[in-house]
Amino acid sequence: MKTVILAGTKKGLFLLTSTDRRRWSLSGPHLRGREINHATYDARTGRIYATANDAWFGSEISWTSNLGKKWESAKRNPAFDKKTKLKLERLWHIEPGRVKERNVLYAGVAPAALFRSEDGGRTWGEIKSLTAHPSRARWHPGAGGLCLHSIVIDPTDALRMFVGISAVGVFRTEDGGKTWSVANKGTRAEFMPNKYPEFGQCVHKLLLADGGRSVLFQQ
C-alpha cells in the first residue's frame, strides 16, 4: 500500500510517496508559486484537494485525481456576497464531507467564515449563519489574522460540526449549520483579563480523536 504525505509550503504543494515508509519519492512543487495553507486526501473519491493562495491572482480551490499529474480548479471559488463589506483574503482549510455525502466539501477562510460545496468543489456557497453570529462584531484576529482554520465533522451525528477560529475559539452546530453556539467552556485564555471568557480563545488547531470517537483535541 502506498503512503502519501502532503506538504503545503509558500512555494506550492509537495507530495512524498512511499511503499515501505523508508524510502520516499518527492514530487513538486505542484501549484507552483501558490501558498498552500492546507491540503487533504479525500478517501471518498481519491482526490487530493488544496487551498492555493496568491497575493496577486487571489485564492482558489484546486484538486488532482492522479497525484498531481493534472490539476483542476473551482469554477466559482468561495467569495462573500458583494452586498457585504467582507472580502476574501485567504483560503485556510478544506474538509471532505461525510462518507454518504460524496460531493460535499467545506472550506474555512479569512476573514473567518465557512463555505460549502455540493458538487465536488466546483462551486461554493457561504454558510451565512456563522458569518452572522451575534458575537461577530467582538471577534478579534490572532497573529495569522481572523481565520477559520479548522473544521471537524462529527461522524456519529449527521447534523453536528465544529469549527476553530483564531483568535475567537470553537463554535458548534447541532442542526447542520442553521445555528451556531460557542463551545469554549473550560478553555483558559491566559492573555485575557477574564481567564475563561465566552469566546476569544486563541485556538490554533482543532482535531477529532483517532478512531472516530466524539472526543476533540485543540491546541
N, C-alpha and C. Protein backbone atom coordinates (compact mmCIF):
# COMPACT_ATOMS: atom_id res chain seq x y z
N MET A 1 0.84 -1.19 0.00
CA MET A 1 0.00 0.00 0.00
C MET A 1 0.88 1.25 0.00
N LYS A 2 0.52 2.23 -0.80
CA LYS A 2 1.32 3.44 -0.92
C LYS A 2 0.91 4.46 0.15
N THR A 3 1.90 5.05 0.78
CA THR A 3 1.69 6.13 1.75
C THR A 3 2.01 7.45 1.07
N VAL A 4 1.13 8.43 1.26
CA VAL A 4 1.32 9.75 0.65
C VAL A 4 1.28 10.81 1.74
N ILE A 5 2.29 11.66 1.77
CA ILE A 5 2.34 12.80 2.68
C ILE A 5 2.20 14.07 1.85
N LEU A 6 1.31 14.96 2.29
CA LEU A 6 1.08 16.23 1.62
C LEU A 6 1.74 17.34 2.43
N ALA A 7 2.61 18.11 1.79
CA ALA A 7 3.32 19.18 2.48
C ALA A 7 3.06 20.51 1.79
N GLY A 8 2.25 21.36 2.43
CA GLY A 8 1.95 22.67 1.88
C GLY A 8 3.01 23.68 2.28
N THR A 9 3.48 24.47 1.33
CA THR A 9 4.51 25.48 1.58
C THR A 9 4.17 26.77 0.86
N LYS A 10 4.99 27.78 1.05
CA LYS A 10 4.81 29.05 0.33
C LYS A 10 5.18 28.91 -1.14
N LYS A 11 5.88 27.84 -1.50
CA LYS A 11 6.31 27.62 -2.88
C LYS A 11 5.34 26.74 -3.66
N GLY A 12 4.39 26.12 -2.96
CA GLY A 12 3.48 25.18 -3.60
C GLY A 12 3.31 23.94 -2.75
N LEU A 13 2.73 22.90 -3.35
CA LEU A 13 2.45 21.65 -2.65
C LEU A 13 3.45 20.58 -3.08
N PHE A 14 4.01 19.88 -2.10
CA PHE A 14 4.92 18.77 -2.36
C PHE A 14 4.26 17.46 -1.93
N LEU A 15 4.45 16.42 -2.73
CA LEU A 15 3.93 15.09 -2.42
C LEU A 15 5.09 14.15 -2.16
N LEU A 16 5.05 13.47 -1.03
CA LEU A 16 6.04 12.45 -0.71
C LEU A 16 5.34 11.10 -0.70
N THR A 17 5.82 10.15 -1.48
CA THR A 17 5.17 8.85 -1.59
C THR A 17 6.16 7.74 -1.27
N SER A 18 5.63 6.65 -0.68
CA SER A 18 6.48 5.52 -0.32
C SER A 18 5.62 4.27 -0.19
N THR A 19 6.21 3.13 -0.49
CA THR A 19 5.52 1.84 -0.30
C THR A 19 5.97 1.15 0.98
N ASP A 20 7.10 1.59 1.56
CA ASP A 20 7.60 0.96 2.78
C ASP A 20 7.87 1.95 3.91
N ARG A 21 7.66 3.24 3.65
CA ARG A 21 7.88 4.31 4.61
C ARG A 21 9.34 4.40 5.08
N ARG A 22 10.23 3.88 4.26
CA ARG A 22 11.67 4.01 4.50
C ARG A 22 12.34 4.83 3.40
N ARG A 23 11.94 4.54 2.17
CA ARG A 23 12.45 5.27 1.01
C ARG A 23 11.29 6.07 0.41
N TRP A 24 11.55 7.34 0.15
CA TRP A 24 10.48 8.24 -0.28
C TRP A 24 10.81 8.87 -1.64
N SER A 25 9.76 9.09 -2.42
CA SER A 25 9.87 9.83 -3.68
C SER A 25 9.19 11.18 -3.50
N LEU A 26 9.83 12.22 -3.99
CA LEU A 26 9.32 13.58 -3.83
C LEU A 26 8.92 14.16 -5.18
N SER A 27 7.73 14.74 -5.24
CA SER A 27 7.31 15.45 -6.45
C SER A 27 6.79 16.83 -6.06
N GLY A 28 6.98 17.78 -6.97
CA GLY A 28 6.55 19.14 -6.70
C GLY A 28 7.69 20.13 -6.95
N PRO A 29 7.41 21.41 -6.76
CA PRO A 29 6.15 21.89 -6.21
C PRO A 29 5.00 21.87 -7.22
N HIS A 30 3.85 21.35 -6.78
CA HIS A 30 2.63 21.44 -7.55
C HIS A 30 1.96 22.78 -7.21
N LEU A 31 1.17 23.31 -8.14
CA LEU A 31 0.56 24.63 -7.97
C LEU A 31 1.68 25.63 -7.64
N ARG A 32 2.71 25.58 -8.43
CA ARG A 32 3.96 26.33 -8.21
C ARG A 32 3.70 27.81 -7.96
N GLY A 33 4.34 28.33 -6.93
CA GLY A 33 4.25 29.74 -6.60
C GLY A 33 3.06 30.10 -5.74
N ARG A 34 2.16 29.15 -5.51
CA ARG A 34 1.00 29.41 -4.66
C ARG A 34 1.32 29.02 -3.21
N GLU A 35 0.76 29.75 -2.28
CA GLU A 35 0.90 29.41 -0.86
C GLU A 35 -0.20 28.41 -0.50
N ILE A 36 0.21 27.24 -0.06
CA ILE A 36 -0.75 26.17 0.26
C ILE A 36 -0.92 26.09 1.76
N ASN A 37 -1.99 26.67 2.27
CA ASN A 37 -2.25 26.62 3.70
C ASN A 37 -2.73 25.25 4.16
N HIS A 38 -3.39 24.52 3.26
CA HIS A 38 -3.90 23.20 3.66
C HIS A 38 -4.13 22.35 2.43
N ALA A 39 -3.87 21.05 2.58
CA ALA A 39 -4.17 20.07 1.53
C ALA A 39 -4.67 18.81 2.22
N THR A 40 -5.56 18.08 1.57
CA THR A 40 -6.12 16.89 2.19
C THR A 40 -6.45 15.84 1.13
N TYR A 41 -6.46 14.60 1.56
CA TYR A 41 -6.83 13.48 0.69
C TYR A 41 -8.27 13.11 0.97
N ASP A 42 -9.08 13.02 -0.07
CA ASP A 42 -10.49 12.66 0.05
C ASP A 42 -10.64 11.17 -0.27
N ALA A 43 -10.81 10.36 0.76
CA ALA A 43 -10.89 8.90 0.58
C ALA A 43 -12.14 8.49 -0.19
N ARG A 44 -13.14 9.35 -0.26
CA ARG A 44 -14.38 9.01 -0.98
C ARG A 44 -14.15 8.97 -2.48
N THR A 45 -13.29 9.84 -2.97
CA THR A 45 -13.11 9.98 -4.42
C THR A 45 -11.68 9.73 -4.89
N GLY A 46 -10.72 9.67 -3.95
CA GLY A 46 -9.33 9.51 -4.33
C GLY A 46 -8.66 10.80 -4.76
N ARG A 47 -9.34 11.92 -4.58
CA ARG A 47 -8.78 13.21 -4.96
C ARG A 47 -7.92 13.81 -3.84
N ILE A 48 -6.97 14.63 -4.24
CA ILE A 48 -6.24 15.48 -3.32
C ILE A 48 -6.71 16.91 -3.56
N TYR A 49 -7.17 17.56 -2.50
CA TYR A 49 -7.63 18.95 -2.58
C TYR A 49 -6.61 19.86 -1.90
N ALA A 50 -6.47 21.08 -2.42
CA ALA A 50 -5.54 22.05 -1.83
C ALA A 50 -6.13 23.44 -1.88
N THR A 51 -5.81 24.24 -0.86
CA THR A 51 -6.18 25.65 -0.86
C THR A 51 -4.98 26.44 -1.38
N ALA A 52 -5.10 27.03 -2.55
CA ALA A 52 -3.99 27.72 -3.20
C ALA A 52 -4.21 29.23 -3.13
N ASN A 53 -3.25 29.94 -2.53
CA ASN A 53 -3.37 31.38 -2.35
C ASN A 53 -2.25 32.12 -3.07
N ASP A 54 -2.62 33.21 -3.72
CA ASP A 54 -1.65 34.03 -4.44
C ASP A 54 -1.97 35.50 -4.17
N ALA A 55 -0.97 36.26 -3.75
CA ALA A 55 -1.18 37.66 -3.39
C ALA A 55 -1.67 38.49 -4.56
N TRP A 56 -1.35 38.09 -5.77
CA TRP A 56 -1.74 38.85 -6.95
C TRP A 56 -3.00 38.30 -7.61
N PHE A 57 -3.04 36.98 -7.82
CA PHE A 57 -4.15 36.37 -8.55
C PHE A 57 -5.29 35.89 -7.66
N GLY A 58 -5.11 35.95 -6.35
CA GLY A 58 -6.18 35.56 -5.45
C GLY A 58 -6.10 34.11 -5.01
N SER A 59 -7.21 33.60 -4.49
CA SER A 59 -7.25 32.27 -3.90
C SER A 59 -8.19 31.36 -4.68
N GLU A 60 -7.84 30.06 -4.72
CA GLU A 60 -8.70 29.10 -5.39
C GLU A 60 -8.54 27.71 -4.79
N ILE A 61 -9.61 26.92 -4.92
CA ILE A 61 -9.60 25.51 -4.55
C ILE A 61 -9.16 24.71 -5.77
N SER A 62 -8.15 23.87 -5.58
CA SER A 62 -7.65 23.03 -6.68
C SER A 62 -7.63 21.57 -6.25
N TRP A 63 -7.68 20.67 -7.24
CA TRP A 63 -7.65 19.24 -6.91
C TRP A 63 -7.03 18.43 -8.04
N THR A 64 -6.55 17.25 -7.66
CA THR A 64 -5.97 16.30 -8.61
C THR A 64 -6.47 14.90 -8.29
N SER A 65 -6.66 14.10 -9.31
CA SER A 65 -7.10 12.71 -9.14
C SER A 65 -5.98 11.72 -9.47
N ASN A 66 -4.79 12.24 -9.81
CA ASN A 66 -3.70 11.36 -10.24
C ASN A 66 -2.35 11.81 -9.67
N LEU A 67 -2.37 12.16 -8.38
CA LEU A 67 -1.14 12.54 -7.66
C LEU A 67 -0.39 13.69 -8.32
N GLY A 68 -1.15 14.64 -8.82
CA GLY A 68 -0.54 15.88 -9.30
C GLY A 68 -0.20 15.94 -10.77
N LYS A 69 -0.48 14.89 -11.53
CA LYS A 69 -0.18 14.93 -12.96
C LYS A 69 -1.06 15.95 -13.67
N LYS A 70 -2.29 16.09 -13.21
CA LYS A 70 -3.21 17.06 -13.78
C LYS A 70 -4.03 17.68 -12.66
N TRP A 71 -4.19 19.01 -12.72
CA TRP A 71 -4.94 19.73 -11.70
C TRP A 71 -6.16 20.42 -12.32
N GLU A 72 -7.22 20.50 -11.53
CA GLU A 72 -8.42 21.26 -11.89
C GLU A 72 -8.70 22.27 -10.79
N SER A 73 -9.44 23.30 -11.13
CA SER A 73 -9.78 24.34 -10.15
C SER A 73 -11.27 24.64 -10.19
N ALA A 74 -11.74 25.22 -9.10
CA ALA A 74 -13.16 25.55 -8.98
C ALA A 74 -13.59 26.54 -10.06
N LYS A 75 -14.82 26.38 -10.52
CA LYS A 75 -15.40 27.34 -11.47
C LYS A 75 -15.84 28.60 -10.73
N ARG A 76 -16.33 28.40 -9.51
CA ARG A 76 -16.72 29.54 -8.67
C ARG A 76 -16.16 29.30 -7.28
N ASN A 77 -15.09 29.99 -6.95
CA ASN A 77 -14.42 29.81 -5.67
C ASN A 77 -15.19 30.49 -4.54
N PRO A 78 -14.89 30.15 -3.29
CA PRO A 78 -15.54 30.83 -2.18
C PRO A 78 -15.40 32.34 -2.29
N ALA A 79 -16.50 33.04 -2.08
CA ALA A 79 -16.50 34.51 -2.16
C ALA A 79 -17.69 35.03 -1.37
N PHE A 80 -17.51 36.18 -0.75
CA PHE A 80 -18.60 36.78 0.01
C PHE A 80 -19.57 37.51 -0.91
N ASP A 81 -20.80 37.64 -0.44
CA ASP A 81 -21.81 38.40 -1.17
C ASP A 81 -21.31 39.83 -1.37
N LYS A 82 -21.43 40.33 -2.58
CA LYS A 82 -20.95 41.68 -2.90
C LYS A 82 -21.68 42.76 -2.11
N LYS A 83 -22.83 42.42 -1.54
CA LYS A 83 -23.59 43.39 -0.76
C LYS A 83 -22.96 43.64 0.61
N THR A 84 -22.07 42.74 1.04
CA THR A 84 -21.41 42.90 2.33
C THR A 84 -20.09 43.64 2.16
N LYS A 85 -19.49 44.04 3.29
CA LYS A 85 -18.20 44.72 3.26
C LYS A 85 -17.05 43.73 3.35
N LEU A 86 -17.37 42.45 3.48
CA LEU A 86 -16.33 41.43 3.62
C LEU A 86 -15.72 41.06 2.28
N LYS A 87 -14.42 40.86 2.27
CA LYS A 87 -13.71 40.44 1.07
C LYS A 87 -12.76 39.30 1.44
N LEU A 88 -12.82 38.21 0.67
CA LEU A 88 -12.00 37.06 0.98
C LEU A 88 -10.51 37.40 0.88
N GLU A 89 -9.77 37.04 1.93
CA GLU A 89 -8.34 37.32 1.99
C GLU A 89 -7.50 36.07 1.72
N ARG A 90 -7.99 34.91 2.20
CA ARG A 90 -7.19 33.69 2.10
C ARG A 90 -8.05 32.46 2.37
N LEU A 91 -7.73 31.38 1.67
CA LEU A 91 -8.34 30.08 1.96
C LEU A 91 -7.44 29.35 2.95
N TRP A 92 -8.04 28.88 4.05
CA TRP A 92 -7.24 28.29 5.11
C TRP A 92 -7.38 26.77 5.23
N HIS A 93 -8.55 26.26 4.98
CA HIS A 93 -8.77 24.83 5.27
C HIS A 93 -9.83 24.27 4.32
N ILE A 94 -9.66 23.00 3.95
CA ILE A 94 -10.68 22.31 3.17
C ILE A 94 -10.92 20.95 3.79
N GLU A 95 -12.19 20.57 3.93
CA GLU A 95 -12.56 19.34 4.63
C GLU A 95 -13.60 18.56 3.84
N PRO A 96 -13.31 17.29 3.52
CA PRO A 96 -14.31 16.45 2.85
C PRO A 96 -15.51 16.22 3.76
N GLY A 97 -16.69 16.07 3.16
CA GLY A 97 -17.90 15.79 3.92
C GLY A 97 -17.94 14.33 4.36
N ARG A 98 -19.09 13.91 4.86
CA ARG A 98 -19.24 12.54 5.35
C ARG A 98 -19.24 11.55 4.19
N VAL A 99 -19.05 10.28 4.55
CA VAL A 99 -18.95 9.21 3.55
C VAL A 99 -20.16 9.19 2.62
N LYS A 100 -21.35 9.40 3.18
CA LYS A 100 -22.57 9.35 2.39
C LYS A 100 -22.82 10.65 1.62
N GLU A 101 -21.99 11.67 1.87
CA GLU A 101 -22.11 12.95 1.16
C GLU A 101 -20.95 13.07 0.18
N ARG A 102 -20.96 12.26 -0.84
CA ARG A 102 -19.80 12.07 -1.71
C ARG A 102 -19.26 13.36 -2.32
N ASN A 103 -20.12 14.29 -2.66
CA ASN A 103 -19.68 15.50 -3.35
C ASN A 103 -19.64 16.74 -2.45
N VAL A 104 -19.84 16.54 -1.14
CA VAL A 104 -19.87 17.68 -0.21
C VAL A 104 -18.48 17.96 0.34
N LEU A 105 -18.11 19.23 0.34
CA LEU A 105 -16.85 19.70 0.91
C LEU A 105 -17.11 20.98 1.69
N TYR A 106 -16.24 21.26 2.65
CA TYR A 106 -16.33 22.50 3.41
C TYR A 106 -14.99 23.23 3.33
N ALA A 107 -15.04 24.56 3.34
CA ALA A 107 -13.81 25.36 3.30
C ALA A 107 -13.88 26.46 4.35
N GLY A 108 -12.76 26.64 5.05
CA GLY A 108 -12.63 27.72 6.02
C GLY A 108 -11.75 28.82 5.44
N VAL A 109 -12.12 30.07 5.67
CA VAL A 109 -11.42 31.19 5.04
C VAL A 109 -11.12 32.30 6.04
N ALA A 110 -10.37 33.29 5.57
CA ALA A 110 -10.18 34.55 6.27
C ALA A 110 -10.70 35.67 5.38
N PRO A 111 -11.44 36.63 5.97
CA PRO A 111 -11.87 36.69 7.36
C PRO A 111 -12.84 35.56 7.69
N ALA A 112 -12.82 35.14 8.95
CA ALA A 112 -13.44 33.90 9.40
C ALA A 112 -14.85 33.67 8.86
N ALA A 113 -14.98 32.61 8.06
CA ALA A 113 -16.28 32.21 7.51
C ALA A 113 -16.16 30.78 7.00
N LEU A 114 -17.32 30.16 6.82
CA LEU A 114 -17.39 28.76 6.39
C LEU A 114 -18.17 28.68 5.08
N PHE A 115 -17.63 27.91 4.13
CA PHE A 115 -18.28 27.71 2.84
C PHE A 115 -18.52 26.22 2.61
N ARG A 116 -19.51 25.92 1.76
CA ARG A 116 -19.88 24.53 1.47
C ARG A 116 -20.02 24.34 -0.04
N SER A 117 -19.54 23.21 -0.51
CA SER A 117 -19.71 22.82 -1.91
C SER A 117 -20.48 21.51 -1.96
N GLU A 118 -21.39 21.40 -2.91
CA GLU A 118 -22.17 20.17 -3.07
C GLU A 118 -21.88 19.50 -4.40
N ASP A 119 -20.86 19.99 -5.12
CA ASP A 119 -20.53 19.42 -6.43
C ASP A 119 -19.03 19.11 -6.56
N GLY A 120 -18.44 18.65 -5.47
CA GLY A 120 -17.05 18.25 -5.51
C GLY A 120 -16.05 19.38 -5.57
N GLY A 121 -16.46 20.59 -5.21
CA GLY A 121 -15.56 21.73 -5.16
C GLY A 121 -15.65 22.68 -6.34
N ARG A 122 -16.53 22.40 -7.29
CA ARG A 122 -16.62 23.26 -8.48
C ARG A 122 -17.26 24.61 -8.17
N THR A 123 -18.25 24.62 -7.29
CA THR A 123 -18.89 25.87 -6.88
C THR A 123 -19.07 25.85 -5.37
N TRP A 124 -19.16 27.06 -4.79
CA TRP A 124 -19.21 27.18 -3.33
C TRP A 124 -20.26 28.19 -2.89
N GLY A 125 -20.85 27.93 -1.73
CA GLY A 125 -21.81 28.85 -1.15
C GLY A 125 -21.47 29.10 0.31
N GLU A 126 -21.67 30.31 0.76
CA GLU A 126 -21.36 30.68 2.14
C GLU A 126 -22.42 30.16 3.11
N ILE A 127 -21.98 29.66 4.25
CA ILE A 127 -22.90 29.30 5.34
C ILE A 127 -23.05 30.57 6.18
N LYS A 128 -24.02 31.37 5.81
CA LYS A 128 -24.14 32.72 6.35
C LYS A 128 -24.52 32.77 7.82
N SER A 129 -25.07 31.69 8.34
CA SER A 129 -25.47 31.68 9.75
C SER A 129 -24.28 31.86 10.68
N LEU A 130 -23.11 31.37 10.28
CA LEU A 130 -21.91 31.55 11.11
C LEU A 130 -21.36 32.97 10.94
N THR A 131 -21.32 33.45 9.72
CA THR A 131 -20.84 34.81 9.46
C THR A 131 -21.67 35.84 10.23
N ALA A 132 -22.96 35.55 10.36
CA ALA A 132 -23.89 36.48 11.00
C ALA A 132 -24.07 36.21 12.49
N HIS A 133 -23.19 35.41 13.10
CA HIS A 133 -23.33 35.11 14.53
C HIS A 133 -23.34 36.42 15.34
N PRO A 134 -24.22 36.53 16.33
CA PRO A 134 -24.36 37.78 17.10
C PRO A 134 -23.07 38.29 17.74
N SER A 135 -22.13 37.40 17.98
CA SER A 135 -20.89 37.81 18.64
C SER A 135 -19.84 38.33 17.67
N ARG A 136 -20.09 38.26 16.38
CA ARG A 136 -19.04 38.54 15.38
C ARG A 136 -18.40 39.93 15.53
N ALA A 137 -19.17 40.91 15.87
CA ALA A 137 -18.63 42.27 15.99
C ALA A 137 -17.54 42.36 17.05
N ARG A 138 -17.50 41.36 17.94
CA ARG A 138 -16.50 41.36 19.02
C ARG A 138 -15.40 40.33 18.77
N TRP A 139 -15.34 39.75 17.58
CA TRP A 139 -14.25 38.83 17.24
C TRP A 139 -12.99 39.64 16.93
N HIS A 140 -11.85 39.11 17.34
CA HIS A 140 -10.58 39.77 17.08
C HIS A 140 -9.59 38.79 16.46
N PRO A 141 -8.76 39.24 15.54
CA PRO A 141 -7.81 38.34 14.86
C PRO A 141 -6.64 37.95 15.74
N GLY A 142 -6.05 36.79 15.44
CA GLY A 142 -4.80 36.39 16.06
C GLY A 142 -3.65 36.86 15.18
N ALA A 143 -2.46 36.34 15.43
CA ALA A 143 -1.28 36.76 14.66
C ALA A 143 -1.40 36.40 13.18
N GLY A 144 -2.17 35.35 12.88
CA GLY A 144 -2.36 34.93 11.49
C GLY A 144 -3.60 35.53 10.85
N GLY A 145 -4.24 36.45 11.56
CA GLY A 145 -5.46 37.05 11.04
C GLY A 145 -6.70 36.42 11.65
N LEU A 146 -7.85 36.92 11.25
CA LEU A 146 -9.13 36.37 11.71
C LEU A 146 -9.50 35.23 10.76
N CYS A 147 -9.09 34.02 11.10
CA CYS A 147 -9.22 32.92 10.15
C CYS A 147 -9.93 31.71 10.74
N LEU A 148 -10.74 31.08 9.91
CA LEU A 148 -11.35 29.80 10.26
C LEU A 148 -10.43 28.72 9.69
N HIS A 149 -9.65 28.10 10.57
CA HIS A 149 -8.57 27.21 10.15
C HIS A 149 -8.82 25.73 10.44
N SER A 150 -9.89 25.41 11.15
CA SER A 150 -10.17 24.01 11.48
C SER A 150 -11.64 23.70 11.30
N ILE A 151 -11.93 22.55 10.70
CA ILE A 151 -13.30 22.09 10.50
C ILE A 151 -13.36 20.63 10.92
N VAL A 152 -14.24 20.31 11.86
CA VAL A 152 -14.37 18.94 12.35
C VAL A 152 -15.81 18.48 12.18
N ILE A 153 -16.00 17.41 11.43
CA ILE A 153 -17.32 16.83 11.21
C ILE A 153 -17.50 15.64 12.14
N ASP A 154 -18.56 15.62 12.91
CA ASP A 154 -18.82 14.50 13.82
C ASP A 154 -19.33 13.32 13.01
N PRO A 155 -18.60 12.20 12.99
CA PRO A 155 -19.02 11.04 12.18
C PRO A 155 -20.23 10.31 12.75
N THR A 156 -20.58 10.61 14.02
CA THR A 156 -21.69 9.91 14.66
C THR A 156 -23.00 10.68 14.58
N ASP A 157 -22.94 11.93 14.12
CA ASP A 157 -24.13 12.78 14.08
C ASP A 157 -24.10 13.59 12.79
N ALA A 158 -25.06 13.36 11.92
CA ALA A 158 -25.09 13.98 10.59
C ALA A 158 -25.31 15.49 10.65
N LEU A 159 -25.71 16.02 11.80
CA LEU A 159 -26.01 17.44 11.90
C LEU A 159 -25.00 18.21 12.73
N ARG A 160 -24.03 17.51 13.30
CA ARG A 160 -23.09 18.16 14.21
C ARG A 160 -21.75 18.45 13.54
N MET A 161 -21.26 19.65 13.77
CA MET A 161 -19.97 20.07 13.22
C MET A 161 -19.34 21.10 14.15
N PHE A 162 -18.00 21.14 14.15
CA PHE A 162 -17.26 22.11 14.95
C PHE A 162 -16.30 22.88 14.04
N VAL A 163 -16.04 24.13 14.38
CA VAL A 163 -15.04 24.91 13.65
C VAL A 163 -14.16 25.63 14.66
N GLY A 164 -12.88 25.82 14.30
CA GLY A 164 -11.95 26.57 15.13
C GLY A 164 -11.57 27.87 14.44
N ILE A 165 -11.66 28.96 15.18
CA ILE A 165 -11.38 30.29 14.63
C ILE A 165 -10.35 31.00 15.51
N SER A 166 -9.37 31.61 14.88
CA SER A 166 -8.35 32.38 15.59
C SER A 166 -8.62 33.87 15.41
N ALA A 167 -8.61 34.64 16.53
CA ALA A 167 -8.47 34.22 17.91
C ALA A 167 -9.85 34.37 18.58
N VAL A 168 -10.75 33.45 18.25
CA VAL A 168 -12.13 33.52 18.72
C VAL A 168 -12.49 32.29 19.54
N GLY A 169 -12.07 31.11 19.07
CA GLY A 169 -12.37 29.89 19.79
C GLY A 169 -13.10 28.88 18.93
N VAL A 170 -13.87 28.03 19.60
CA VAL A 170 -14.58 26.94 18.93
C VAL A 170 -16.08 27.23 18.90
N PHE A 171 -16.69 26.95 17.75
CA PHE A 171 -18.14 27.05 17.60
C PHE A 171 -18.66 25.70 17.13
N ARG A 172 -19.91 25.40 17.49
CA ARG A 172 -20.51 24.12 17.11
C ARG A 172 -21.92 24.34 16.58
N THR A 173 -22.33 23.44 15.72
CA THR A 173 -23.72 23.42 15.24
C THR A 173 -24.29 22.03 15.48
N GLU A 174 -25.55 21.98 15.86
CA GLU A 174 -26.25 20.71 16.09
C GLU A 174 -27.38 20.53 15.09
N ASP A 175 -27.50 21.47 14.15
CA ASP A 175 -28.61 21.41 13.20
C ASP A 175 -28.13 21.60 11.76
N GLY A 176 -26.94 21.11 11.48
CA GLY A 176 -26.44 21.17 10.11
C GLY A 176 -26.04 22.54 9.63
N GLY A 177 -25.74 23.45 10.55
CA GLY A 177 -25.28 24.78 10.16
C GLY A 177 -26.34 25.86 10.17
N LYS A 178 -27.56 25.53 10.58
CA LYS A 178 -28.60 26.55 10.64
C LYS A 178 -28.30 27.55 11.75
N THR A 179 -27.83 27.04 12.88
CA THR A 179 -27.48 27.90 14.01
C THR A 179 -26.14 27.43 14.59
N TRP A 180 -25.46 28.34 15.30
CA TRP A 180 -24.16 28.04 15.88
C TRP A 180 -24.10 28.53 17.32
N SER A 181 -23.40 27.77 18.16
CA SER A 181 -23.23 28.16 19.56
C SER A 181 -21.75 28.12 19.91
N VAL A 182 -21.37 28.92 20.90
CA VAL A 182 -19.99 28.96 21.37
C VAL A 182 -19.69 27.69 22.15
N ALA A 183 -18.50 27.12 21.98
CA ALA A 183 -18.13 25.87 22.66
C ALA A 183 -16.75 26.00 23.29
N ASN A 184 -16.62 26.98 24.19
CA ASN A 184 -15.31 27.25 24.80
C ASN A 184 -15.30 27.09 26.32
N LYS A 185 -16.34 26.52 26.88
CA LYS A 185 -16.42 26.38 28.33
C LYS A 185 -15.26 25.55 28.85
N GLY A 186 -14.54 26.09 29.83
CA GLY A 186 -13.41 25.38 30.42
C GLY A 186 -12.09 25.60 29.73
N THR A 187 -12.10 26.34 28.61
CA THR A 187 -10.85 26.61 27.88
C THR A 187 -10.26 27.93 28.37
N ARG A 188 -9.06 27.87 28.90
CA ARG A 188 -8.42 29.02 29.51
C ARG A 188 -7.79 29.94 28.46
N ALA A 189 -7.94 31.23 28.67
CA ALA A 189 -7.30 32.24 27.81
C ALA A 189 -6.42 33.10 28.71
N GLU A 190 -5.18 32.68 28.85
CA GLU A 190 -4.25 33.29 29.81
C GLU A 190 -4.03 34.77 29.53
N PHE A 191 -4.13 35.17 28.28
CA PHE A 191 -3.82 36.55 27.89
C PHE A 191 -5.01 37.50 28.06
N MET A 192 -6.17 36.98 28.49
CA MET A 192 -7.37 37.80 28.63
C MET A 192 -7.56 38.21 30.09
N PRO A 193 -8.16 39.39 30.35
CA PRO A 193 -8.46 39.79 31.73
C PRO A 193 -9.34 38.76 32.43
N ASN A 194 -10.36 38.28 31.71
CA ASN A 194 -11.20 37.18 32.18
C ASN A 194 -10.59 35.90 31.61
N LYS A 195 -10.03 35.06 32.46
CA LYS A 195 -9.29 33.88 32.00
C LYS A 195 -10.18 32.83 31.34
N TYR A 196 -11.48 32.89 31.56
CA TYR A 196 -12.40 31.93 30.95
C TYR A 196 -13.55 32.66 30.26
N PRO A 197 -13.25 33.39 29.20
CA PRO A 197 -14.30 34.16 28.50
C PRO A 197 -15.21 33.24 27.68
N GLU A 198 -16.35 33.78 27.28
CA GLU A 198 -17.27 33.02 26.43
C GLU A 198 -16.59 32.70 25.10
N PHE A 199 -15.87 33.66 24.56
CA PHE A 199 -15.08 33.46 23.34
C PHE A 199 -13.88 34.40 23.39
N GLY A 200 -12.93 34.18 22.50
CA GLY A 200 -11.70 34.97 22.50
C GLY A 200 -10.47 34.12 22.72
N GLN A 201 -10.66 32.79 22.84
CA GLN A 201 -9.54 31.87 22.99
C GLN A 201 -8.79 31.76 21.66
N CYS A 202 -7.47 31.69 21.74
CA CYS A 202 -6.67 31.64 20.51
C CYS A 202 -6.38 30.18 20.15
N VAL A 203 -7.41 29.48 19.72
CA VAL A 203 -7.24 28.09 19.30
C VAL A 203 -6.43 28.05 18.01
N HIS A 204 -5.40 27.19 17.98
CA HIS A 204 -4.54 27.07 16.79
C HIS A 204 -4.94 25.92 15.89
N LYS A 205 -5.50 24.86 16.48
CA LYS A 205 -5.91 23.70 15.70
C LYS A 205 -6.94 22.91 16.48
N LEU A 206 -7.90 22.33 15.76
CA LEU A 206 -8.95 21.52 16.36
C LEU A 206 -9.03 20.21 15.59
N LEU A 207 -8.95 19.08 16.31
CA LEU A 207 -8.94 17.77 15.66
C LEU A 207 -9.83 16.78 16.40
N LEU A 208 -10.37 15.83 15.65
CA LEU A 208 -11.16 14.74 16.22
C LEU A 208 -10.23 13.59 16.59
N ALA A 209 -10.50 12.95 17.72
CA ALA A 209 -9.67 11.83 18.16
C ALA A 209 -9.68 10.71 17.12
N ASP A 210 -8.57 10.02 17.01
CA ASP A 210 -8.43 8.92 16.07
C ASP A 210 -9.46 7.83 16.38
N GLY A 211 -9.99 7.23 15.35
CA GLY A 211 -10.96 6.16 15.54
C GLY A 211 -12.41 6.61 15.46
N GLY A 212 -12.62 7.91 15.22
CA GLY A 212 -13.98 8.40 15.04
C GLY A 212 -14.75 8.62 16.33
N ARG A 213 -14.08 8.57 17.48
CA ARG A 213 -14.77 8.84 18.74
C ARG A 213 -15.11 10.32 18.84
N SER A 214 -16.16 10.64 19.56
CA SER A 214 -16.59 12.04 19.69
C SER A 214 -15.77 12.75 20.76
N VAL A 215 -14.46 12.72 20.60
CA VAL A 215 -13.53 13.40 21.51
C VAL A 215 -12.71 14.38 20.68
N LEU A 216 -12.68 15.63 21.12
CA LEU A 216 -11.94 16.67 20.40
C LEU A 216 -10.66 17.05 21.14
N PHE A 217 -9.64 17.36 20.37
CA PHE A 217 -8.41 17.92 20.92
C PHE A 217 -8.18 19.27 20.27
N GLN A 218 -7.67 20.22 21.06
CA GLN A 218 -7.33 21.52 20.49
C GLN A 218 -5.99 22.00 21.03
N GLN A 219 -5.31 22.76 20.19
CA GLN A 219 -4.06 23.39 20.60
C GLN A 219 -4.34 24.84 20.90
